[in-house]
């Protein structure tokens, strides 16, 4: 098998739930092949490097095998190999997001907190 469309391969490798979503991501510039934007109909070759952006994460994968059939996750993972740099970068970015989120309080201020905020503003705005 040497003629596999990019959107079909992304669907078969389980990066997207449907071929339509893969096509939308490619058209939106979220998928680059060998460093350049491409079309959903581009034919992949073994050894091509893909850069995929999902939300906050960016993955760099190398195509190991071609397939146009969607199968189970363990088999789909054999179609590609994520680069070591990409794994380290994603883990570091995830750690940064996690630590930044720890600083933010999710709850609304209660009655006591509001009183302290008002008192602070009154003292500092005079």
N, C-alpha and C. Protein backbone atom coordinates (compact mmCIF):
# COMPACT_ATOMS: atom_id res chain seq x y z
N UNK A 1 0.85 -1.18 0.00
CA UNK A 1 0.00 0.00 0.00
C UNK A 1 0.89 1.23 0.00
N UNK A 2 0.82 2.02 -1.04
CA UNK A 2 1.67 3.20 -1.13
C UNK A 2 0.89 4.47 -1.44
N UNK A 3 -0.44 4.39 -1.57
CA UNK A 3 -1.25 5.57 -1.80
C UNK A 3 -2.28 5.72 -0.70
N UNK A 4 -1.91 6.45 0.34
CA UNK A 4 -2.84 6.70 1.44
C UNK A 4 -2.94 8.21 1.62
N UNK A 5 -4.16 8.69 1.60
CA UNK A 5 -4.40 10.12 1.82
C UNK A 5 -4.07 10.50 3.26
N UNK A 6 -3.68 11.74 3.45
CA UNK A 6 -3.32 12.24 4.77
C UNK A 6 -4.49 12.15 5.74
N UNK A 7 -5.67 12.60 5.33
CA UNK A 7 -6.82 12.58 6.25
C UNK A 7 -7.23 11.15 6.60
N UNK A 8 -7.12 10.22 5.65
CA UNK A 8 -7.45 8.83 5.92
C UNK A 8 -6.45 8.22 6.89
N UNK A 9 -5.17 8.52 6.71
CA UNK A 9 -4.14 7.97 7.60
C UNK A 9 -4.32 8.50 9.02
N UNK A 10 -4.60 9.80 9.16
CA UNK A 10 -4.80 10.37 10.50
C UNK A 10 -5.99 9.73 11.19
N UNK A 11 -7.03 9.42 10.44
CA UNK A 11 -8.19 8.73 10.99
C UNK A 11 -7.83 7.29 11.37
N UNK A 12 -7.10 6.59 10.50
CA UNK A 12 -6.71 5.21 10.77
C UNK A 12 -5.75 5.12 11.95
N UNK A 13 -4.90 6.13 12.13
CA UNK A 13 -3.94 6.14 13.24
C UNK A 13 -4.58 6.64 14.53
N UNK A 14 -5.88 6.93 14.48
CA UNK A 14 -6.68 7.33 15.64
C UNK A 14 -6.28 8.68 16.25
N UNK A 15 -5.83 9.59 15.42
CA UNK A 15 -5.60 10.96 15.89
C UNK A 15 -6.91 11.75 15.90
N UNK A 16 -7.85 11.34 15.04
CA UNK A 16 -9.15 12.00 14.96
C UNK A 16 -10.25 10.95 14.90
N UNK A 17 -11.43 11.30 15.40
CA UNK A 17 -12.54 10.36 15.46
C UNK A 17 -13.17 10.09 14.09
N UNK A 18 -13.05 11.04 13.20
CA UNK A 18 -13.64 10.85 11.87
C UNK A 18 -12.73 11.47 10.82
N UNK A 19 -12.91 11.04 9.59
CA UNK A 19 -12.12 11.60 8.50
C UNK A 19 -12.47 13.06 8.28
N UNK A 20 -13.72 13.41 8.53
CA UNK A 20 -14.15 14.80 8.38
C UNK A 20 -13.43 15.72 9.34
N UNK A 21 -13.27 15.27 10.59
CA UNK A 21 -12.55 16.09 11.57
C UNK A 21 -11.08 16.20 11.20
N UNK A 22 -10.51 15.12 10.68
CA UNK A 22 -9.12 15.17 10.23
C UNK A 22 -8.98 16.18 9.09
N UNK A 23 -9.93 16.15 8.18
CA UNK A 23 -9.90 17.06 7.04
C UNK A 23 -10.01 18.51 7.50
N UNK A 24 -10.89 18.78 8.47
CA UNK A 24 -11.04 20.13 9.01
C UNK A 24 -9.76 20.61 9.68
N UNK A 25 -9.10 19.72 10.42
CA UNK A 25 -7.85 20.09 11.10
C UNK A 25 -6.75 20.40 10.08
N UNK A 26 -6.69 19.61 9.04
CA UNK A 26 -5.67 19.86 7.99
C UNK A 26 -5.95 21.19 7.31
N UNK A 27 -7.20 21.43 6.96
CA UNK A 27 -7.57 22.69 6.30
C UNK A 27 -7.35 23.89 7.21
N UNK A 28 -7.48 23.67 8.52
CA UNK A 28 -7.27 24.75 9.49
C UNK A 28 -5.82 25.01 9.84
N UNK A 29 -4.91 24.26 9.25
CA UNK A 29 -3.49 24.49 9.50
C UNK A 29 -2.96 23.82 10.74
N UNK A 30 -3.66 22.86 11.28
CA UNK A 30 -3.22 22.19 12.50
C UNK A 30 -2.34 20.98 12.21
N UNK A 31 -2.20 20.62 10.95
CA UNK A 31 -1.37 19.48 10.56
C UNK A 31 -0.39 19.94 9.48
N UNK A 32 0.90 19.68 9.72
CA UNK A 32 1.94 20.02 8.75
C UNK A 32 2.68 18.74 8.38
N UNK A 33 2.98 18.58 7.11
CA UNK A 33 3.73 17.42 6.62
C UNK A 33 5.10 17.91 6.18
N UNK A 34 6.15 17.36 6.79
CA UNK A 34 7.53 17.74 6.48
C UNK A 34 7.74 19.26 6.56
N UNK A 35 7.12 19.88 7.57
CA UNK A 35 7.31 21.30 7.82
C UNK A 35 6.46 22.25 7.00
N UNK A 36 5.56 21.74 6.17
CA UNK A 36 4.75 22.62 5.32
C UNK A 36 3.28 22.23 5.44
N UNK A 37 2.41 23.22 5.28
CA UNK A 37 0.98 22.93 5.25
C UNK A 37 0.67 22.07 4.04
N UNK A 38 -0.37 21.26 4.16
CA UNK A 38 -0.72 20.41 3.03
C UNK A 38 -2.23 20.29 2.92
N UNK A 39 -2.65 19.57 1.92
CA UNK A 39 -4.07 19.35 1.68
C UNK A 39 -4.46 17.97 2.19
N UNK A 40 -5.76 17.76 2.47
CA UNK A 40 -6.20 16.44 2.94
C UNK A 40 -5.93 15.33 1.94
N UNK A 41 -5.84 15.64 0.67
CA UNK A 41 -5.64 14.62 -0.35
C UNK A 41 -4.17 14.27 -0.59
N UNK A 42 -3.26 14.87 0.16
CA UNK A 42 -1.83 14.59 -0.01
C UNK A 42 -1.56 13.13 0.31
N UNK A 43 -0.76 12.48 -0.52
CA UNK A 43 -0.40 11.09 -0.29
C UNK A 43 0.84 11.03 0.60
N UNK A 44 0.76 10.22 1.63
CA UNK A 44 1.86 10.07 2.58
C UNK A 44 2.83 9.01 2.11
N UNK A 45 4.05 9.11 2.61
CA UNK A 45 5.08 8.09 2.37
C UNK A 45 5.69 7.73 3.72
N UNK A 46 6.25 6.54 3.80
CA UNK A 46 6.90 6.12 5.03
C UNK A 46 8.10 7.04 5.27
N UNK A 47 8.23 7.51 6.51
CA UNK A 47 9.32 8.41 6.86
C UNK A 47 8.91 9.88 6.89
N UNK A 48 7.71 10.20 6.43
CA UNK A 48 7.23 11.58 6.49
C UNK A 48 7.08 12.02 7.95
N UNK A 49 7.39 13.28 8.20
CA UNK A 49 7.27 13.83 9.55
C UNK A 49 6.03 14.72 9.62
N UNK A 50 5.15 14.43 10.56
CA UNK A 50 3.92 15.19 10.74
C UNK A 50 3.99 15.98 12.03
N UNK A 51 3.52 17.21 11.98
CA UNK A 51 3.37 18.02 13.19
C UNK A 51 1.88 18.23 13.39
N UNK A 52 1.36 17.74 14.53
CA UNK A 52 -0.07 17.79 14.82
C UNK A 52 -0.30 18.65 16.05
N UNK A 53 -1.26 19.54 15.96
CA UNK A 53 -1.64 20.35 17.13
C UNK A 53 -3.04 19.95 17.57
N UNK A 54 -3.14 19.51 18.82
CA UNK A 54 -4.42 19.19 19.46
C UNK A 54 -4.55 20.09 20.68
N UNK A 55 -5.40 21.06 20.63
CA UNK A 55 -5.58 21.94 21.78
C UNK A 55 -4.28 22.64 22.13
N UNK A 56 -3.77 22.41 23.34
CA UNK A 56 -2.53 23.03 23.79
C UNK A 56 -1.31 22.22 23.38
N UNK A 57 -1.50 20.96 23.03
CA UNK A 57 -0.37 20.08 22.75
C UNK A 57 0.01 20.08 21.28
N UNK A 58 1.29 19.86 21.04
CA UNK A 58 1.80 19.72 19.69
C UNK A 58 2.67 18.47 19.64
N UNK A 59 2.31 17.55 18.74
CA UNK A 59 3.04 16.30 18.59
C UNK A 59 3.80 16.30 17.28
N UNK A 60 4.99 15.73 17.31
CA UNK A 60 5.75 15.49 16.09
C UNK A 60 5.90 13.98 15.95
N UNK A 61 5.33 13.43 14.88
CA UNK A 61 5.37 11.98 14.68
C UNK A 61 5.98 11.67 13.31
N UNK A 62 6.57 10.49 13.23
CA UNK A 62 7.15 10.01 11.98
C UNK A 62 6.33 8.81 11.53
N UNK A 63 5.94 8.79 10.27
CA UNK A 63 5.12 7.71 9.72
C UNK A 63 5.98 6.46 9.58
N UNK A 64 5.55 5.37 10.23
CA UNK A 64 6.27 4.10 10.15
C UNK A 64 5.63 3.14 9.15
N UNK A 65 4.29 3.13 9.14
CA UNK A 65 3.55 2.25 8.23
C UNK A 65 2.36 3.01 7.68
N UNK A 66 1.86 2.57 6.55
CA UNK A 66 0.69 3.18 5.93
C UNK A 66 -0.50 2.25 6.07
N UNK A 67 -1.67 2.85 6.32
CA UNK A 67 -2.90 2.07 6.41
C UNK A 67 -4.08 3.00 6.15
N UNK A 68 -5.10 2.44 5.51
CA UNK A 68 -6.33 3.20 5.32
C UNK A 68 -7.49 2.54 6.05
N UNK A 69 -7.18 1.56 6.89
CA UNK A 69 -8.20 0.87 7.69
C UNK A 69 -8.03 1.23 9.16
N UNK A 70 -9.12 1.59 9.79
CA UNK A 70 -9.09 1.93 11.21
C UNK A 70 -9.17 0.64 12.01
N UNK A 71 -8.27 0.47 12.95
CA UNK A 71 -8.27 -0.73 13.78
C UNK A 71 -8.06 -0.33 15.23
N UNK A 72 -7.80 -1.29 16.08
CA UNK A 72 -7.65 -1.03 17.51
C UNK A 72 -6.47 -0.13 17.82
N UNK A 73 -6.49 0.46 19.00
CA UNK A 73 -5.46 1.42 19.40
C UNK A 73 -4.05 0.82 19.41
N UNK A 74 -3.84 -0.40 19.93
CA UNK A 74 -2.47 -0.94 19.89
C UNK A 74 -1.93 -1.10 18.47
N UNK A 75 -2.78 -1.48 17.55
CA UNK A 75 -2.34 -1.62 16.15
C UNK A 75 -2.13 -0.25 15.52
N UNK A 76 -3.00 0.70 15.85
CA UNK A 76 -2.87 2.05 15.30
C UNK A 76 -1.58 2.72 15.77
N UNK A 77 -1.14 2.43 16.99
CA UNK A 77 0.09 3.03 17.50
C UNK A 77 1.33 2.52 16.77
N UNK A 78 1.21 1.41 16.07
CA UNK A 78 2.33 0.89 15.31
C UNK A 78 2.51 1.62 13.98
N UNK A 79 1.56 2.47 13.61
CA UNK A 79 1.65 3.20 12.35
C UNK A 79 2.60 4.39 12.43
N UNK A 80 2.93 4.84 13.64
CA UNK A 80 3.75 6.03 13.80
C UNK A 80 4.66 5.91 15.01
N UNK A 81 5.64 6.81 15.09
CA UNK A 81 6.51 6.92 16.26
C UNK A 81 6.66 8.39 16.59
N UNK A 82 6.33 8.73 17.81
CA UNK A 82 6.49 10.12 18.25
C UNK A 82 7.95 10.35 18.61
N UNK A 83 8.49 11.49 18.22
CA UNK A 83 9.90 11.78 18.48
C UNK A 83 10.12 12.06 19.96
N UNK A 84 11.34 11.80 20.41
CA UNK A 84 11.69 12.01 21.82
C UNK A 84 11.56 13.49 22.20
N UNK A 85 11.98 14.37 21.31
CA UNK A 85 11.88 15.82 21.58
C UNK A 85 10.43 16.22 21.80
N UNK A 86 9.54 15.66 21.00
CA UNK A 86 8.12 15.98 21.09
C UNK A 86 7.55 15.52 22.43
N UNK A 87 7.93 14.33 22.86
CA UNK A 87 7.44 13.80 24.14
C UNK A 87 7.91 14.69 25.28
N UNK A 88 9.20 15.04 25.29
CA UNK A 88 9.73 15.90 26.35
C UNK A 88 9.05 17.26 26.35
N UNK A 89 8.87 17.82 25.17
CA UNK A 89 8.24 19.14 25.05
C UNK A 89 6.81 19.12 25.59
N UNK A 90 6.04 18.08 25.22
CA UNK A 90 4.64 17.98 25.68
C UNK A 90 4.57 17.79 27.20
N UNK A 91 5.47 16.95 27.76
CA UNK A 91 5.47 16.73 29.20
C UNK A 91 5.83 18.01 29.94
N UNK A 92 6.81 18.76 29.42
CA UNK A 92 7.20 20.01 30.06
C UNK A 92 6.07 21.04 30.01
N UNK A 93 5.42 21.14 28.85
CA UNK A 93 4.32 22.09 28.71
C UNK A 93 3.15 21.70 29.63
N UNK A 94 2.88 20.40 29.75
CA UNK A 94 1.82 19.94 30.65
C UNK A 94 2.14 20.26 32.09
N UNK A 95 3.39 20.08 32.47
CA UNK A 95 3.81 20.41 33.84
C UNK A 95 3.67 21.90 34.10
N UNK A 96 4.02 22.72 33.12
CA UNK A 96 3.87 24.18 33.28
C UNK A 96 2.40 24.55 33.44
N UNK A 97 1.52 23.94 32.65
CA UNK A 97 0.09 24.25 32.76
C UNK A 97 -0.45 23.81 34.12
N UNK A 98 0.03 22.67 34.59
CA UNK A 98 -0.45 22.16 35.87
C UNK A 98 -0.03 23.07 37.02
N UNK A 99 1.23 23.52 37.00
CA UNK A 99 1.70 24.39 38.07
C UNK A 99 1.05 25.77 37.99
N UNK A 100 0.80 26.26 36.78
CA UNK A 100 0.14 27.56 36.64
C UNK A 100 -1.30 27.47 37.12
N UNK A 101 -1.95 26.34 36.90
CA UNK A 101 -3.33 26.16 37.34
C UNK A 101 -3.45 26.06 38.84
N UNK A 102 -2.38 25.63 39.52
CA UNK A 102 -2.43 25.51 40.97
C UNK A 102 -2.49 26.87 41.64
N UNK A 103 -2.00 27.89 40.95
CA UNK A 103 -2.00 29.25 41.51
C UNK A 103 -3.37 29.91 41.44
N UNK A 104 -4.23 29.44 40.57
CA UNK A 104 -5.52 30.07 40.35
C UNK A 104 -6.56 29.40 41.24
N UNK A 105 -7.31 30.22 41.96
CA UNK A 105 -8.39 29.66 42.78
C UNK A 105 -9.63 29.54 41.92
N UNK A 106 -10.33 28.45 42.05
CA UNK A 106 -11.49 28.18 41.23
C UNK A 106 -12.79 28.67 41.88
N UNK A 107 -12.78 28.86 43.19
CA UNK A 107 -14.02 29.21 43.86
C UNK A 107 -14.24 30.72 43.91
N UNK A 108 -15.49 31.08 44.09
CA UNK A 108 -15.84 32.49 44.25
C UNK A 108 -15.52 32.92 45.67
N UNK A 109 -15.27 34.21 45.89
CA UNK A 109 -15.00 34.66 47.26
C UNK A 109 -16.26 34.54 48.11
N UNK A 110 -16.06 34.10 49.35
CA UNK A 110 -17.21 34.02 50.25
C UNK A 110 -17.41 35.38 50.94
N UNK A 111 -18.31 35.44 51.88
CA UNK A 111 -18.67 36.71 52.50
C UNK A 111 -17.46 37.35 53.20
N UNK A 112 -16.69 36.53 53.92
CA UNK A 112 -15.52 37.05 54.63
C UNK A 112 -14.48 37.57 53.64
N UNK A 113 -14.25 36.82 52.57
CA UNK A 113 -13.28 37.25 51.56
C UNK A 113 -13.70 38.56 50.90
N UNK A 114 -14.99 38.70 50.61
CA UNK A 114 -15.47 39.94 50.00
C UNK A 114 -15.26 41.13 50.93
N UNK A 115 -15.51 40.94 52.21
CA UNK A 115 -15.29 42.03 53.18
C UNK A 115 -13.82 42.44 53.19
N UNK A 116 -12.92 41.44 53.16
CA UNK A 116 -11.50 41.76 53.15
C UNK A 116 -11.10 42.48 51.86
N UNK A 117 -11.67 42.09 50.76
CA UNK A 117 -11.38 42.75 49.48
C UNK A 117 -11.86 44.20 49.51
N UNK A 118 -13.07 44.41 50.01
CA UNK A 118 -13.60 45.79 50.09
C UNK A 118 -12.75 46.64 51.03
N UNK A 119 -12.35 46.07 52.16
CA UNK A 119 -11.53 46.79 53.11
C UNK A 119 -10.18 47.16 52.48
N UNK A 120 -9.59 46.24 51.77
CA UNK A 120 -8.32 46.48 51.09
C UNK A 120 -8.45 47.61 50.06
N UNK A 121 -9.52 47.58 49.28
CA UNK A 121 -9.73 48.62 48.25
C UNK A 121 -9.94 49.98 48.88
N UNK A 122 -10.72 50.04 49.97
CA UNK A 122 -10.97 51.32 50.63
C UNK A 122 -9.69 51.94 51.15
N UNK A 123 -8.80 51.11 51.71
CA UNK A 123 -7.55 51.63 52.24
C UNK A 123 -6.61 52.10 51.12
N UNK A 124 -6.60 51.40 50.00
CA UNK A 124 -5.61 51.70 48.96
C UNK A 124 -6.11 52.67 47.90
N UNK A 125 -7.38 52.95 47.83
CA UNK A 125 -7.89 53.86 46.82
C UNK A 125 -8.04 55.30 47.32
N UNK A 126 -7.77 55.54 48.55
CA UNK A 126 -7.89 56.91 49.08
C UNK A 126 -6.76 57.77 48.68
